[in-house]
PDB file of N, CA and C in Angstrom:
ATOM      1  N   MET A   1      13.586 123.592 195.439  1.00  0.00           N
ATOM      2  CA  MET A   1      12.891 124.723 194.872  1.00  0.00           C
ATOM      3  C   MET A   1      13.420 124.967 193.462  1.00  0.00           C
ATOM      4  N   ALA A   2      12.524 125.052 192.527  1.00  0.00           N
ATOM      5  CA  ALA A   2      12.895 125.279 191.133  1.00  0.00           C
ATOM      6  C   ALA A   2      13.260 126.744 190.915  1.00  0.00           C
ATOM      7  N   ILE A   3      14.212 126.954 190.036  1.00  0.00           N
ATOM      8  CA  ILE A   3      14.598 128.316 189.681  1.00  0.00           C
ATOM      9  C   ILE A   3      13.685 128.782 188.557  1.00  0.00           C
ATOM     10  N   THR A   4      12.968 129.853 188.819  1.00  0.00           N
ATOM     11  CA  THR A   4      12.033 130.386 187.833  1.00  0.00           C
ATOM     12  C   THR A   4      12.739 131.417 186.964  1.00  0.00           C
ATOM     13  N   PRO A   5      12.154 131.752 185.810  1.00  0.00           N
ATOM     14  CA  PRO A   5      12.734 132.817 184.978  1.00  0.00           C
ATOM     15  C   PRO A   5      12.867 134.134 185.734  1.00  0.00           C
ATOM     16  N   GLU A   6      11.942 134.398 186.650  1.00  0.00           N
ATOM     17  CA  GLU A   6      12.035 135.626 187.447  1.00  0.00           C
ATOM     18  C   GLU A   6      13.272 135.616 188.338  1.00  0.00           C
ATOM     19  N   HIS A   7      13.571 134.452 188.934  1.00  0.00           N
ATOM     20  CA  HIS A   7      14.782 134.338 189.746  1.00  0.00           C
ATOM     21  C   HIS A   7      16.023 134.539 188.891  1.00  0.00           C
ATOM     22  N   GLN A   8      16.015 133.979 187.696  1.00  0.00           N
ATOM     23  CA  GLN A   8      17.177 134.105 186.823  1.00  0.00           C
ATOM     24  C   GLN A   8      17.427 135.550 186.437  1.00  0.00           C
ATOM     25  N   LYS A   9      16.379 136.335 186.267  1.00  0.00           N
ATOM     26  CA  LYS A   9      16.537 137.741 185.907  1.00  0.00           C
ATOM     27  C   LYS A   9      17.213 138.527 187.021  1.00  0.00           C
ATOM     28  N   THR A  10      16.901 138.176 188.267  1.00  0.00           N
ATOM     29  CA  THR A  10      17.444 138.940 189.386  1.00  0.00           C
ATOM     30  C   THR A  10      18.752 138.369 189.927  1.00  0.00           C
ATOM     31  N   ALA A  11      19.088 137.162 189.540  1.00  0.00           N
ATOM     32  CA  ALA A  11      20.330 136.550 190.019  1.00  0.00           C
ATOM     33  C   ALA A  11      21.529 137.299 189.457  1.00  0.00           C
ATOM     34  N   LYS A  12      22.516 137.467 190.283  1.00  0.00           N
ATOM     35  CA  LYS A  12      23.740 138.150 189.872  1.00  0.00           C
ATOM     36  C   LYS A  12      24.900 137.165 189.899  1.00  0.00           C
ATOM     37  N   THR A  13      25.908 137.475 189.135  1.00  0.00           N
ATOM     38  CA  THR A  13      27.097 136.633 189.135  1.00  0.00           C
ATOM     39  C   THR A  13      28.024 137.058 190.268  1.00  0.00           C
ATOM     40  N   TRP A  14      28.965 136.194 190.563  1.00  0.00           N
ATOM     41  CA  TRP A  14      29.995 136.519 191.556  1.00  0.00           C
ATOM     42  C   TRP A  14      30.730 137.791 191.139  1.00  0.00           C
ATOM     43  N   GLN A  15      31.085 137.903 189.874  1.00  0.00           N
ATOM     44  CA  GLN A  15      31.825 139.072 189.405  1.00  0.00           C
ATOM     45  C   GLN A  15      31.006 140.352 189.557  1.00  0.00           C
ATOM     46  N   THR A  16      29.709 140.270 189.338  1.00  0.00           N
ATOM     47  CA  THR A  16      28.849 141.432 189.533  1.00  0.00           C
ATOM     48  C   THR A  16      28.916 141.905 190.980  1.00  0.00           C
ATOM     49  N   MET A  17      28.889 140.967 191.907  1.00  0.00           N
ATOM     50  CA  MET A  17      28.964 141.312 193.327  1.00  0.00           C
ATOM     51  C   MET A  17      30.320 141.943 193.655  1.00  0.00           C
ATOM     52  N   VAL A  18      31.390 141.370 193.151  1.00  0.00           N
ATOM     53  CA  VAL A  18      32.729 141.912 193.392  1.00  0.00           C
ATOM     54  C   VAL A  18      32.815 143.336 192.846  1.00  0.00           C
ATOM     55  N   ASP A  19      32.362 143.528 191.609  1.00  0.00           N
ATOM     56  CA  ASP A  19      32.407 144.855 190.987  1.00  0.00           C
ATOM     57  C   ASP A  19      31.566 145.867 191.756  1.00  0.00           C
ATOM     58  N   SER A  20      30.417 145.434 192.232  1.00  0.00           N
ATOM     59  CA  SER A  20      29.542 146.310 193.008  1.00  0.00           C
ATOM     60  C   SER A  20      30.214 146.743 194.307  1.00  0.00           C
ATOM     61  N   ASN A  21      30.865 145.817 194.984  1.00  0.00           N
ATOM     62  CA  ASN A  21      31.546 146.150 196.238  1.00  0.00           C
ATOM     63  C   ASN A  21      32.740 147.066 195.995  1.00  0.00           C
ATOM     64  N   LYS A  22      33.448 146.863 194.892  1.00  0.00           N
ATOM     65  CA  LYS A  22      34.563 147.756 194.543  1.00  0.00           C
ATOM     66  C   LYS A  22      34.060 149.169 194.276  1.00  0.00           C
ATOM     67  N   ALA A  23      32.959 149.273 193.541  1.00  0.00           N
ATOM     68  CA  ALA A  23      32.381 150.582 193.238  1.00  0.00           C
ATOM     69  C   ALA A  23      31.903 151.275 194.514  1.00  0.00           C
ATOM     70  N   LEU A  24      31.315 150.517 195.419  1.00  0.00           N
ATOM     71  CA  LEU A  24      30.863 151.067 196.692  1.00  0.00           C
ATOM     72  C   LEU A  24      32.042 151.617 197.493  1.00  0.00           C
ATOM     73  N   LEU A  25      33.124 150.869 197.547  1.00  0.00           N
ATOM     74  CA  LEU A  25      34.328 151.319 198.253  1.00  0.00           C
ATOM     75  C   LEU A  25      34.826 152.640 197.672  1.00  0.00           C
ATOM     76  N   LEU A  26      34.883 152.726 196.364  1.00  0.00           N
ATOM     77  CA  LEU A  26      35.345 153.946 195.704  1.00  0.00           C
ATOM     78  C   LEU A  26      34.416 155.121 196.005  1.00  0.00           C
ATOM     79  N   ARG A  27      33.111 154.890 195.951  1.00  0.00           N
ATOM     80  CA  ARG A  27      32.144 155.954 196.252  1.00  0.00           C
ATOM     81  C   ARG A  27      32.248 156.422 197.703  1.00  0.00           C
ATOM     82  N   LYS A  28      32.392 155.480 198.620  1.00  0.00           N
ATOM     83  CA  LYS A  28      32.431 155.823 200.047  1.00  0.00           C
ATOM     84  C   LYS A  28      33.716 156.533 200.450  1.00  0.00           C
ATOM     85  N   THR A  29      34.829 156.158 199.819  1.00  0.00           N
ATOM     86  CA  THR A  29      36.129 156.624 200.312  1.00  0.00           C
ATOM     87  C   THR A  29      36.909 157.502 199.347  1.00  0.00           C
ATOM     88  N   GLY A  30      36.575 157.422 198.067  1.00  0.00           N
ATOM     89  CA  GLY A  30      37.354 158.146 197.075  1.00  0.00           C
ATOM     90  C   GLY A  30      38.626 157.421 196.663  1.00  0.00           C
ATOM     91  N   HIS A  31      38.824 156.217 197.193  1.00  0.00           N
ATOM     92  CA  HIS A  31      40.005 155.412 196.869  1.00  0.00           C
ATOM     93  C   HIS A  31      39.577 154.025 196.406  1.00  0.00           C
ATOM     94  N   ASP A  32      40.364 153.464 195.496  1.00  0.00           N
ATOM     95  CA  ASP A  32      40.030 152.145 194.957  1.00  0.00           C
ATOM     96  C   ASP A  32      40.627 151.022 195.803  1.00  0.00           C
ATOM     97  N   VAL A  33      40.347 149.795 195.376  1.00  0.00           N
ATOM     98  CA  VAL A  33      40.804 148.611 196.109  1.00  0.00           C
ATOM     99  C   VAL A  33      42.326 148.560 196.203  1.00  0.00           C
ATOM    100  N   ALA A  34      43.011 148.898 195.132  1.00  0.00           N
ATOM    101  CA  ALA A  34      44.476 148.849 195.144  1.00  0.00           C
ATOM    102  C   ALA A  34      45.043 149.768 196.229  1.00  0.00           C
ATOM    103  N   TYR A  35      44.473 150.948 196.359  1.00  0.00           N
ATOM    104  CA  TYR A  35      44.918 151.880 197.394  1.00  0.00           C
ATOM    105  C   TYR A  35      44.745 151.264 198.783  1.00  0.00           C
ATOM    106  N   TRP A  36      43.535 150.763 199.058  1.00  0.00           N
ATOM    107  CA  TRP A  36      43.250 150.217 200.383  1.00  0.00           C
ATOM    108  C   TRP A  36      44.063 148.964 200.671  1.00  0.00           C
ATOM    109  N   ALA A  37      44.253 148.128 199.668  1.00  0.00           N
ATOM    110  CA  ALA A  37      45.071 146.924 199.866  1.00  0.00           C
ATOM    111  C   ALA A  37      46.507 147.321 200.209  1.00  0.00           C
ATOM    112  N   GLY A  38      47.021 148.323 199.525  1.00  0.00           N
ATOM    113  CA  GLY A  38      48.368 148.806 199.817  1.00  0.00           C
ATOM    114  C   GLY A  38      48.484 149.364 201.225  1.00  0.00           C
ATOM    115  N   GLN A  39      47.484 150.140 201.638  1.00  0.00           N
ATOM    116  CA  GLN A  39      47.475 150.691 202.995  1.00  0.00           C
ATOM    117  C   GLN A  39      47.418 149.583 204.046  1.00  0.00           C
ATOM    118  N   ALA A  40      46.606 148.573 203.775  1.00  0.00           N
ATOM    119  CA  ALA A  40      46.477 147.451 204.718  1.00  0.00           C
ATOM    120  C   ALA A  40      47.777 146.660 204.814  1.00  0.00           C
ATOM    121  N   ARG A  41      48.436 146.459 203.683  1.00  0.00           N
ATOM    122  CA  ARG A  41      49.728 145.748 203.704  1.00  0.00           C
ATOM    123  C   ARG A  41      50.753 146.542 204.506  1.00  0.00           C
ATOM    124  N   THR A  42      50.786 147.845 204.276  1.00  0.00           N
ATOM    125  CA  THR A  42      51.712 148.710 205.007  1.00  0.00           C
ATOM    126  C   THR A  42      51.434 148.659 206.510  1.00  0.00           C
ATOM    127  N   ALA A  43      50.161 148.557 206.875  1.00  0.00           N
ATOM    128  CA  ALA A  43      49.773 148.478 208.288  1.00  0.00           C
ATOM    129  C   ALA A  43      50.068 147.109 208.891  1.00  0.00           C
ATOM    130  N   GLY A  44      50.439 146.147 208.048  1.00  0.00           N
ATOM    131  CA  GLY A  44      50.798 144.820 208.546  1.00  0.00           C
ATOM    132  C   GLY A  44      49.622 143.946 208.947  1.00  0.00           C
ATOM    133  N   LEU A  45      48.471 144.205 208.365  1.00  0.00           N
ATOM    134  CA  LEU A  45      47.281 143.423 208.713  1.00  0.00           C
ATOM    135  C   LEU A  45      47.418 142.006 208.188  1.00  0.00           C
ATOM    136  N   ARG A  46      47.091 141.031 209.036  1.00  0.00           N
ATOM    137  CA  ARG A  46      47.346 139.629 208.706  1.00  0.00           C
ATOM    138  C   ARG A  46      46.122 138.799 208.385  1.00  0.00           C
ATOM    139  N   ASN A  47      44.936 139.305 208.699  1.00  0.00           N
ATOM    140  CA  ASN A  47      43.741 138.498 208.443  1.00  0.00           C
ATOM    141  C   ASN A  47      42.514 139.392 208.292  1.00  0.00           C
ATOM    142  N   ASP A  48      41.404 138.763 207.945  1.00  0.00           N
ATOM    143  CA  ASP A  48      40.167 139.493 207.686  1.00  0.00           C
ATOM    144  C   ASP A  48      39.687 140.262 208.918  1.00  0.00           C
ATOM    145  N   ALA A  49      39.772 139.671 210.085  1.00  0.00           N
ATOM    146  CA  ALA A  49      39.299 140.345 211.302  1.00  0.00           C
ATOM    147  C   ALA A  49      40.103 141.619 211.574  1.00  0.00           C
ATOM    148  N   GLU A  50      41.419 141.530 211.447  1.00  0.00           N
ATOM    149  CA  GLU A  50      42.251 142.720 211.645  1.00  0.00           C
ATOM    150  C   GLU A  50      41.910 143.798 210.619  1.00  0.00           C
ATOM    151  N   LEU A  51      41.726 143.386 209.380  1.00  0.00           N
ATOM    152  CA  LEU A  51      41.383 144.335 208.321  1.00  0.00           C
ATOM    153  C   LEU A  51      40.069 145.046 208.633  1.00  0.00           C
ATOM    154  N   ARG A  52      39.052 144.288 209.006  1.00  0.00           N
ATOM    155  CA  ARG A  52      37.730 144.876 209.273  1.00  0.00           C
ATOM    156  C   ARG A  52      37.772 145.859 210.445  1.00  0.00           C
ATOM    157  N   HIS A  53      38.467 145.489 211.504  1.00  0.00           N
ATOM    158  CA  HIS A  53      38.594 146.406 212.650  1.00  0.00           C
ATOM    159  C   HIS A  53      39.326 147.676 212.231  1.00  0.00           C
ATOM    160  N   TRP A  54      40.405 147.537 211.504  1.00  0.00           N
ATOM    161  CA  TRP A  54      41.214 148.669 211.050  1.00  0.00           C
ATOM    162  C   TRP A  54      40.401 149.586 210.146  1.00  0.00           C
ATOM    163  N   MET A  55      39.695 148.999 209.185  1.00  0.00           N
ATOM    164  CA  MET A  55      38.907 149.822 208.262  1.00  0.00           C
ATOM    165  C   MET A  55      37.787 150.553 208.996  1.00  0.00           C
ATOM    166  N   ARG A  56      37.127 149.866 209.910  1.00  0.00           N
ATOM    167  CA  ARG A  56      36.012 150.469 210.653  1.00  0.00           C
ATOM    168  C   ARG A  56      36.508 151.504 211.667  1.00  0.00           C
ATOM    169  N   ASP A  57      37.431 151.093 212.520  1.00  0.00           N
ATOM    170  CA  ASP A  57      37.834 151.930 213.645  1.00  0.00           C
ATOM    171  C   ASP A  57      38.732 153.096 213.250  1.00  0.00           C
ATOM    172  N   GLU A  58      39.602 152.884 212.289  1.00  0.00           N
ATOM    173  CA  GLU A  58      40.543 153.941 211.919  1.00  0.00           C
ATOM    174  C   GLU A  58      40.112 154.753 210.704  1.00  0.00           C
ATOM    175  N   HIS A  59      39.212 154.176 209.879  1.00  0.00           N
ATOM    176  CA  HIS A  59      38.863 154.860 208.632  1.00  0.00           C
ATOM    177  C   HIS A  59      37.364 155.013 208.395  1.00  0.00           C
ATOM    178  N   GLY A  60      36.537 154.453 209.262  1.00  0.00           N
ATOM    179  CA  GLY A  60      35.094 154.599 209.131  1.00  0.00           C
ATOM    180  C   GLY A  60      34.468 153.843 207.976  1.00  0.00           C
ATOM    181  N   VAL A  61      35.186 152.874 207.440  1.00  0.00           N
ATOM    182  CA  VAL A  61      34.677 152.081 206.317  1.00  0.00           C
ATOM    183  C   VAL A  61      34.047 150.812 206.873  1.00  0.00           C
ATOM    184  N   THR A  62      32.788 150.586 206.543  1.00  0.00           N
ATOM    185  CA  THR A  62      32.059 149.435 207.068  1.00  0.00           C
ATOM    186  C   THR A  62      31.336 148.691 205.953  1.00  0.00           C
ATOM    187  N   GLY A  63      30.815 147.536 206.297  1.00  0.00           N
ATOM    188  CA  GLY A  63      29.920 146.803 205.410  1.00  0.00           C
ATOM    189  C   GLY A  63      30.565 146.228 204.163  1.00  0.00           C
ATOM    190  N   TYR A  64      29.758 146.206 203.100  1.00  0.00           N
ATOM    191  CA  TYR A  64      30.174 145.560 201.863  1.00  0.00           C
ATOM    192  C   TYR A  64      31.434 146.166 201.258  1.00  0.00           C
ATOM    193  N   ALA A  65      31.689 147.433 201.509  1.00  0.00           N
ATOM    194  CA  ALA A  65      32.898 148.062 200.974  1.00  0.00           C
ATOM    195  C   ALA A  65      34.154 147.355 201.486  1.00  0.00           C
ATOM    196  N   GLN A  66      34.085 146.800 202.692  1.00  0.00           N
ATOM    197  CA  GLN A  66      35.232 146.081 203.250  1.00  0.00           C
ATOM    198  C   GLN A  66      35.517 144.789 202.491  1.00  0.00           C
ATOM    199  N   TYR A  67      34.472 144.154 201.987  1.00  0.00           N
ATOM    200  CA  TYR A  67      34.653 142.881 201.283  1.00  0.00           C
ATOM    201  C   TYR A  67      35.625 143.013 200.117  1.00  0.00           C
ATOM    202  N   ALA A  68      35.525 144.095 199.378  1.00  0.00           N
ATOM    203  CA  ALA A  68      36.381 144.274 198.207  1.00  0.00           C
ATOM    204  C   ALA A  68      37.856 144.199 198.589  1.00  0.00           C
ATOM    205  N   VAL A  69      38.209 144.814 199.692  1.00  0.00           N
ATOM    206  CA  VAL A  69      39.601 144.815 200.144  1.00  0.00           C
ATOM    207  C   VAL A  69      39.982 143.449 200.701  1.00  0.00           C
ATOM    208  N   SER A  70      39.102 142.862 201.466  1.00  0.00           N
ATOM    209  CA  SER A  70      39.371 141.542 202.036  1.00  0.00           C
ATOM    210  C   SER A  70      39.612 140.514 200.943  1.00  0.00           C
ATOM    211  N   TRP A  71      38.764 140.511 199.921  1.00  0.00           N
ATOM    212  CA  TRP A  71      38.932 139.550 198.828  1.00  0.00           C
ATOM    213  C   TRP A  71      40.235 139.789 198.088  1.00  0.00           C
ATOM    214  N   GLU A  72      40.617 141.047 197.944  1.00  0.00           N
ATOM    215  CA  GLU A  72      41.876 141.368 197.264  1.00  0.00           C
ATOM    216  C   GLU A  72      43.071 140.839 198.062  1.00  0.00           C
ATOM    217  N   LEU A  73      43.030 141.011 199.359  1.00  0.00           N
ATOM    218  CA  LEU A  73      44.154 140.612 200.206  1.00  0.00           C
ATOM    219  C   LEU A  73      44.176 139.131 200.551  1.00  0.00           C
ATOM    220  N   PHE A  74      43.027 138.596 200.903  1.00  0.00           N
ATOM    221  CA  PHE A  74      42.983 137.257 201.479  1.00  0.00           C
ATOM    222  C   PHE A  74      42.208 136.244 200.648  1.00  0.00           C
ATOM    223  N   GLY A  75      41.537 136.688 199.612  1.00  0.00           N
ATOM    224  CA  GLY A  75      40.722 135.792 198.801  1.00  0.00           C
ATOM    225  C   GLY A  75      39.362 135.556 199.429  1.00  0.00           C
ATOM    226  N   TRP A  76      38.454 135.049 198.664  1.00  0.00           N
ATOM    227  CA  TRP A  76      37.085 134.858 199.145  1.00  0.00           C
ATOM    228  C   TRP A  76      36.987 133.798 200.224  1.00  0.00           C
ATOM    229  N   ARG A  77      37.908 132.863 200.296  1.00  0.00           N
ATOM    230  CA  ARG A  77      37.844 131.824 201.334  1.00  0.00           C
ATOM    231  C   ARG A  77      38.146 132.374 202.727  1.00  0.00           C
ATOM    232  N   ALA A  78      38.733 133.561 202.803  1.00  0.00           N
ATOM    233  CA  ALA A  78      39.011 134.159 204.111  1.00  0.00           C
ATOM    234  C   ALA A  78      37.729 134.384 204.905  1.00  0.00           C
ATOM    235  N   LEU A  79      36.622 134.454 204.221  1.00  0.00           N
ATOM    236  CA  LEU A  79      35.345 134.689 204.888  1.00  0.00           C
ATOM    237  C   LEU A  79      34.645 133.398 205.252  1.00  0.00           C
ATOM    238  N   GLY A  80      35.285 132.261 204.973  1.00  0.00           N
ATOM    239  CA  GLY A  80      34.700 130.979 205.314  1.00  0.00           C
ATOM    240  C   GLY A  80      33.647 130.515 204.336  1.00  0.00           C
ATOM    241  N   SER A  81      33.587 131.141 203.174  1.00  0.00           N
ATOM    242  CA  SER A  81      32.572 130.793 202.184  1.00  0.00           C
ATOM    243  C   SER A  81      32.950 129.531 201.423  1.00  0.00           C
ATOM    244  N   PRO A  82      32.022 128.588 201.291  1.00  0.00           N
ATOM    245  CA  PRO A  82      32.301 127.402 200.487  1.00  0.00           C
ATOM    246  C   PRO A  82      32.153 127.677 198.995  1.00  0.00           C
ATOM    247  N   GLU A  83      31.620 128.826 198.662  1.00  0.00           N
ATOM    248  CA  GLU A  83      31.394 129.190 197.263  1.00  0.00           C
ATOM    249  C   GLU A  83      32.328 130.329 196.881  1.00  0.00           C
ATOM    250  N   GLY A  84      32.449 130.546 195.605  1.00  0.00           N
ATOM    251  CA  GLY A  84      33.292 131.642 195.165  1.00  0.00           C
ATOM    252  C   GLY A  84      33.275 131.766 193.669  1.00  0.00           C
ATOM    253  N   PRO A  85      34.285 132.369 193.093  1.00  0.00           N
ATOM    254  CA  PRO A  85      34.325 132.592 191.659  1.00  0.00           C
ATOM    255  C   PRO A  85      34.093 131.310 190.875  1.00  0.00           C
ATOM    256  N   GLY A  86      33.240 131.411 189.896  1.00  0.00           N
ATOM    257  CA  GLY A  86      32.993 130.282 189.007  1.00  0.00           C
ATOM    258  C   GLY A  86      32.125 129.198 189.591  1.00  0.00           C
ATOM    259  N   ARG A  87      31.556 129.403 190.752  1.00  0.00           N
ATOM    260  CA  ARG A  87      30.720 128.364 191.371  1.00  0.00           C
ATOM    261  C   ARG A  87      29.267 128.686 191.217  1.00  0.00           C
TER     262      ARG A  87
END
């Protein structure tokens, strides 16, 4: 499938997605990624699954807002993605 100019207009970069998820986290919780990453480290969370359960069950944070923290702690490969920054 060819990429049309219309597709190019709507395509976003990896950084745009990361920034959007960080902004969503801040809007939903009032705290930034650094805060949540610090809290997760203090809680001793070791992987993405533990982080997601902790954020959802103990703090009510769900969805894309969780990605920002996961990427900060574990990197984008923690989600099993073959793609990532600069790809």
